[in-house]
Amino acid sequence: MAAFAAMDWNNSSEREQLDAVRRARPDELNQILCEYDWSLYPETVLGWASAQRGITLCAAITGFFNADPMRFNYLPRSDVPAQYHGICRLLDTMAQRVNAGFYLPNVTHIPCIQQKTLRAWMHYQQEDVIDNRRGRWVFEDELIAPLLNPVSQSVSGQAGRSEPEASGFPDLGALVKPLMNF
């Protein structure tokens, strides 16, 4: 089996690719999410990789947009061609993980590779609210903001703010605390 860096992703089998990602370090998993060809075995390879700890929000969003989800975003689920059901399920899962805060925040403050696409997606999402419609995949503005404005989230301007507030993410403990009183 070839090492991860030497892997020929275009000519290896689905099993070989899955074995490679299962042995990969988090930085390699982030790389594969950003670079993987969705015409190969995305459900198997990216499905496993995107479910692992250590994946960054930036890598997850980049992988999500590499699938060209706009072609399915406004299509009723029943109208999605059968050969794309698996890809749409994977995109569903990735979007749910993004909104659940599963992926690591953009702590390096490096702009997301798909920043332009993400910015357009969020703009369309805002227009959808105005037009009273909704796409299949809707991202929470608060979770996406650090990817769109990495400079404004810098540590230097965060003195005196709590850690969750300084990171640009909601304080999940404060959100859950009222539920614990039941």
Protein backbone atom coordinates (compact mmCIF):
# COMPACT_ATOMS: atom_id res chain seq x y z
CA MET A 1 0.00 0.00 0.00
CA ALA A 2 1.39 3.38 -0.98
CA ALA A 3 2.00 6.04 1.65
CA PHE A 4 -0.59 8.81 1.77
CA ALA A 5 1.58 11.37 -0.06
CA ALA A 6 2.48 8.85 -2.79
CA MET A 7 -1.09 7.60 -3.25
CA ASP A 8 -2.33 7.67 -6.85
CA TRP A 9 -5.89 8.73 -6.08
CA ASN A 10 -7.02 8.57 -9.72
CA ASN A 11 -5.87 4.99 -10.32
CA SER A 12 -6.36 3.29 -6.95
CA SER A 13 -9.37 1.25 -5.89
CA GLU A 14 -12.05 2.39 -3.50
CA ARG A 15 -10.68 -0.01 -0.85
CA GLU A 16 -7.11 1.29 -1.24
CA GLN A 17 -8.33 4.87 -0.90
CA LEU A 18 -10.38 4.07 2.20
CA ASP A 19 -7.40 2.27 3.76
CA ALA A 20 -5.23 5.33 3.04
CA VAL A 21 -7.61 7.82 4.66
CA ARG A 22 -8.09 5.54 7.67
CA ARG A 23 -4.33 5.71 8.29
CA ALA A 24 -4.09 9.44 7.58
CA ARG A 25 -3.27 12.14 10.11
CA PRO A 26 -5.73 15.02 10.61
CA ASP A 27 -3.67 17.36 8.40
CA GLU A 28 -3.78 14.76 5.60
CA LEU A 29 -7.54 14.33 6.06
CA ASN A 30 -7.97 18.09 5.77
CA GLN A 31 -5.89 18.00 2.59
CA ILE A 32 -7.97 15.22 1.05
CA LEU A 33 -11.20 17.08 1.84
CA CYS A 34 -9.83 20.10 -0.02
CA GLU A 35 -8.41 18.23 -3.02
CA TYR A 36 -10.40 15.03 -3.57
CA ASP A 37 -12.06 14.44 -6.94
CA TRP A 38 -15.79 13.98 -6.32
CA SER A 39 -16.07 11.81 -9.45
CA LEU A 40 -14.15 8.99 -7.71
CA TYR A 41 -15.47 7.51 -4.43
CA PRO A 42 -16.67 10.49 -2.40
CA GLU A 43 -19.24 8.65 -0.29
CA THR A 44 -16.66 6.17 0.97
CA VAL A 45 -13.54 8.32 1.14
CA LEU A 46 -14.92 11.75 2.02
CA GLY A 47 -17.71 10.25 4.09
CA TRP A 48 -15.15 8.65 6.38
CA ALA A 49 -12.68 11.56 6.31
CA SER A 50 -15.30 14.22 7.05
CA ALA A 51 -16.52 12.31 10.12
CA GLN A 52 -13.16 12.35 11.89
CA ARG A 53 -11.95 14.59 14.68
CA GLY A 54 -9.42 17.22 13.71
CA ILE A 55 -11.14 18.37 10.51
CA THR A 56 -11.20 22.13 10.15
CA LEU A 57 -14.27 24.11 9.21
CA CYS A 58 -12.34 25.53 6.26
CA ALA A 59 -11.50 22.04 4.92
CA ALA A 60 -15.08 20.84 5.41
CA ILE A 61 -16.53 23.87 3.60
CA THR A 62 -13.97 23.51 0.80
CA GLY A 63 -14.85 19.84 0.38
CA PHE A 64 -18.56 20.66 0.46
CA PHE A 65 -18.28 23.23 -2.33
CA ASN A 66 -15.96 21.04 -4.40
CA ALA A 67 -19.05 18.83 -4.92
CA ASP A 68 -20.87 21.68 -6.69
CA PRO A 69 -23.88 21.50 -4.34
CA MET A 70 -25.70 24.41 -6.01
CA ARG A 71 -26.96 22.02 -8.69
CA PHE A 72 -29.04 20.23 -6.02
CA ASN A 73 -29.73 23.00 -3.50
CA TYR A 74 -33.14 24.01 -4.86
CA LEU A 75 -34.06 20.67 -6.40
CA PRO A 76 -36.73 18.72 -4.50
CA ARG A 77 -35.21 15.59 -2.96
CA SER A 78 -37.52 13.40 -5.04
CA ASP A 79 -36.15 14.98 -8.24
CA VAL A 80 -32.47 14.26 -7.49
CA PRO A 81 -31.28 11.63 -10.00
CA ALA A 82 -30.63 8.24 -8.35
CA GLN A 83 -26.90 8.30 -9.12
CA TYR A 84 -26.56 11.45 -6.95
CA HIS A 85 -28.53 10.28 -3.89
CA GLY A 86 -25.35 9.21 -2.08
CA ILE A 87 -23.56 12.47 -2.81
CA CYS A 88 -26.55 14.45 -1.55
CA ARG A 89 -26.67 12.36 1.63
CA LEU A 90 -22.97 13.09 2.18
CA LEU A 91 -23.58 16.80 1.60
CA ASP A 92 -26.53 16.63 4.05
CA THR A 93 -24.27 15.11 6.67
CA MET A 94 -21.45 17.59 6.10
CA ALA A 95 -23.85 20.55 6.34
CA GLN A 96 -25.34 19.15 9.55
CA ARG A 97 -21.86 18.81 11.05
CA VAL A 98 -20.99 22.38 10.04
CA ASN A 99 -24.13 23.71 11.73
CA ALA A 100 -23.57 21.54 14.82
CA GLY A 101 -20.09 23.02 15.30
CA PHE A 102 -18.41 19.63 14.77
CA TYR A 103 -15.53 21.01 12.71
CA LEU A 104 -12.65 22.95 14.23
CA PRO A 105 -12.86 26.73 13.89
CA ASN A 106 -10.53 28.61 11.57
CA VAL A 107 -7.92 29.22 14.27
CA THR A 108 -5.16 29.98 11.76
CA HIS A 109 -7.18 32.87 10.31
CA ILE A 110 -6.23 31.79 6.81
CA PRO A 111 -8.98 32.63 4.31
CA CYS A 112 -11.01 29.65 3.20
CA ILE A 113 -10.04 28.31 -0.24
CA GLN A 114 -13.68 28.51 -1.32
CA GLN A 115 -14.26 31.92 0.27
CA LYS A 116 -15.70 33.49 -2.89
CA THR A 117 -18.13 30.60 -3.38
CA LEU A 118 -19.05 30.62 0.31
CA ARG A 119 -19.67 34.37 0.22
CA ALA A 120 -22.00 33.94 -2.79
CA TRP A 121 -23.76 31.00 -1.09
CA MET A 122 -24.40 33.06 2.05
CA HIS A 123 -25.67 35.95 -0.10
CA TYR A 124 -28.13 33.61 -1.87
CA GLN A 125 -29.15 32.26 1.51
CA GLN A 126 -30.00 35.81 2.67
CA GLU A 127 -31.96 36.42 -0.54
CA ASP A 128 -33.85 33.18 0.08
CA VAL A 129 -35.06 34.53 3.44
CA ILE A 130 -36.30 37.71 1.76
CA ASP A 131 -38.05 35.69 -0.97
CA ASN A 132 -39.51 33.26 1.59
CA ARG A 133 -37.77 30.18 0.21
CA ARG A 134 -35.11 27.84 1.50
CA GLY A 135 -32.42 25.76 -0.12
CA ARG A 136 -31.59 22.23 0.97
CA TRP A 137 -28.39 23.29 2.75
CA VAL A 138 -28.51 26.37 4.97
CA PHE A 139 -25.49 27.36 7.05
CA GLU A 140 -25.63 29.24 10.35
CA ASP A 141 -24.23 32.74 9.81
CA GLU A 142 -22.48 32.80 13.20
CA LEU A 143 -20.52 29.63 12.44
CA ILE A 144 -19.52 30.72 8.94
CA ALA A 145 -18.54 34.32 9.81
CA PRO A 146 -14.94 33.47 10.85
CA LEU A 147 -14.30 32.01 7.39
CA LEU A 148 -15.62 35.10 5.65
CA ASN A 149 -13.84 37.60 7.90
CA PRO A 150 -10.65 35.93 9.15
CA VAL A 151 -8.83 39.22 9.82
CA SER A 152 -11.62 40.65 11.97
CA GLN A 153 -11.42 37.55 14.14
CA SER A 154 -7.75 38.09 14.99
CA VAL A 155 -6.61 37.54 18.55
CA SER A 156 -5.10 41.03 18.93
CA GLY A 157 -8.47 42.76 19.07
CA GLN A 158 -10.04 40.28 21.47
CA ALA A 159 -8.67 41.40 24.85
CA GLY A 160 -11.19 41.16 27.64
CA ARG A 161 -13.60 38.89 25.79
CA SER A 162 -14.43 35.35 26.82
CA GLU A 163 -12.84 32.51 24.87
CA PRO A 164 -16.03 31.48 22.95
CA GLU A 165 -16.83 35.12 22.24
CA ALA A 166 -13.26 35.82 21.07
CA SER A 167 -13.29 32.80 18.76
CA GLY A 168 -16.33 34.13 16.90
CA PHE A 169 -18.41 31.12 17.90
CA PRO A 170 -21.40 31.13 20.24
CA ASP A 171 -20.82 29.96 23.81
CA LEU A 172 -22.45 26.54 23.53
CA GLY A 173 -22.30 26.07 27.29
CA ALA A 174 -24.40 29.20 27.80
CA LEU A 175 -26.86 27.98 25.17
CA VAL A 176 -27.25 24.55 26.76
CA LYS A 177 -27.26 25.66 30.42
CA PRO A 178 -30.98 26.65 30.49
CA LEU A 179 -31.86 23.20 29.15
CA MET A 180 -30.03 21.55 32.04
CA ASN A 181 -32.43 23.14 34.56
CA PHE A 182 -35.39 20.99 33.46
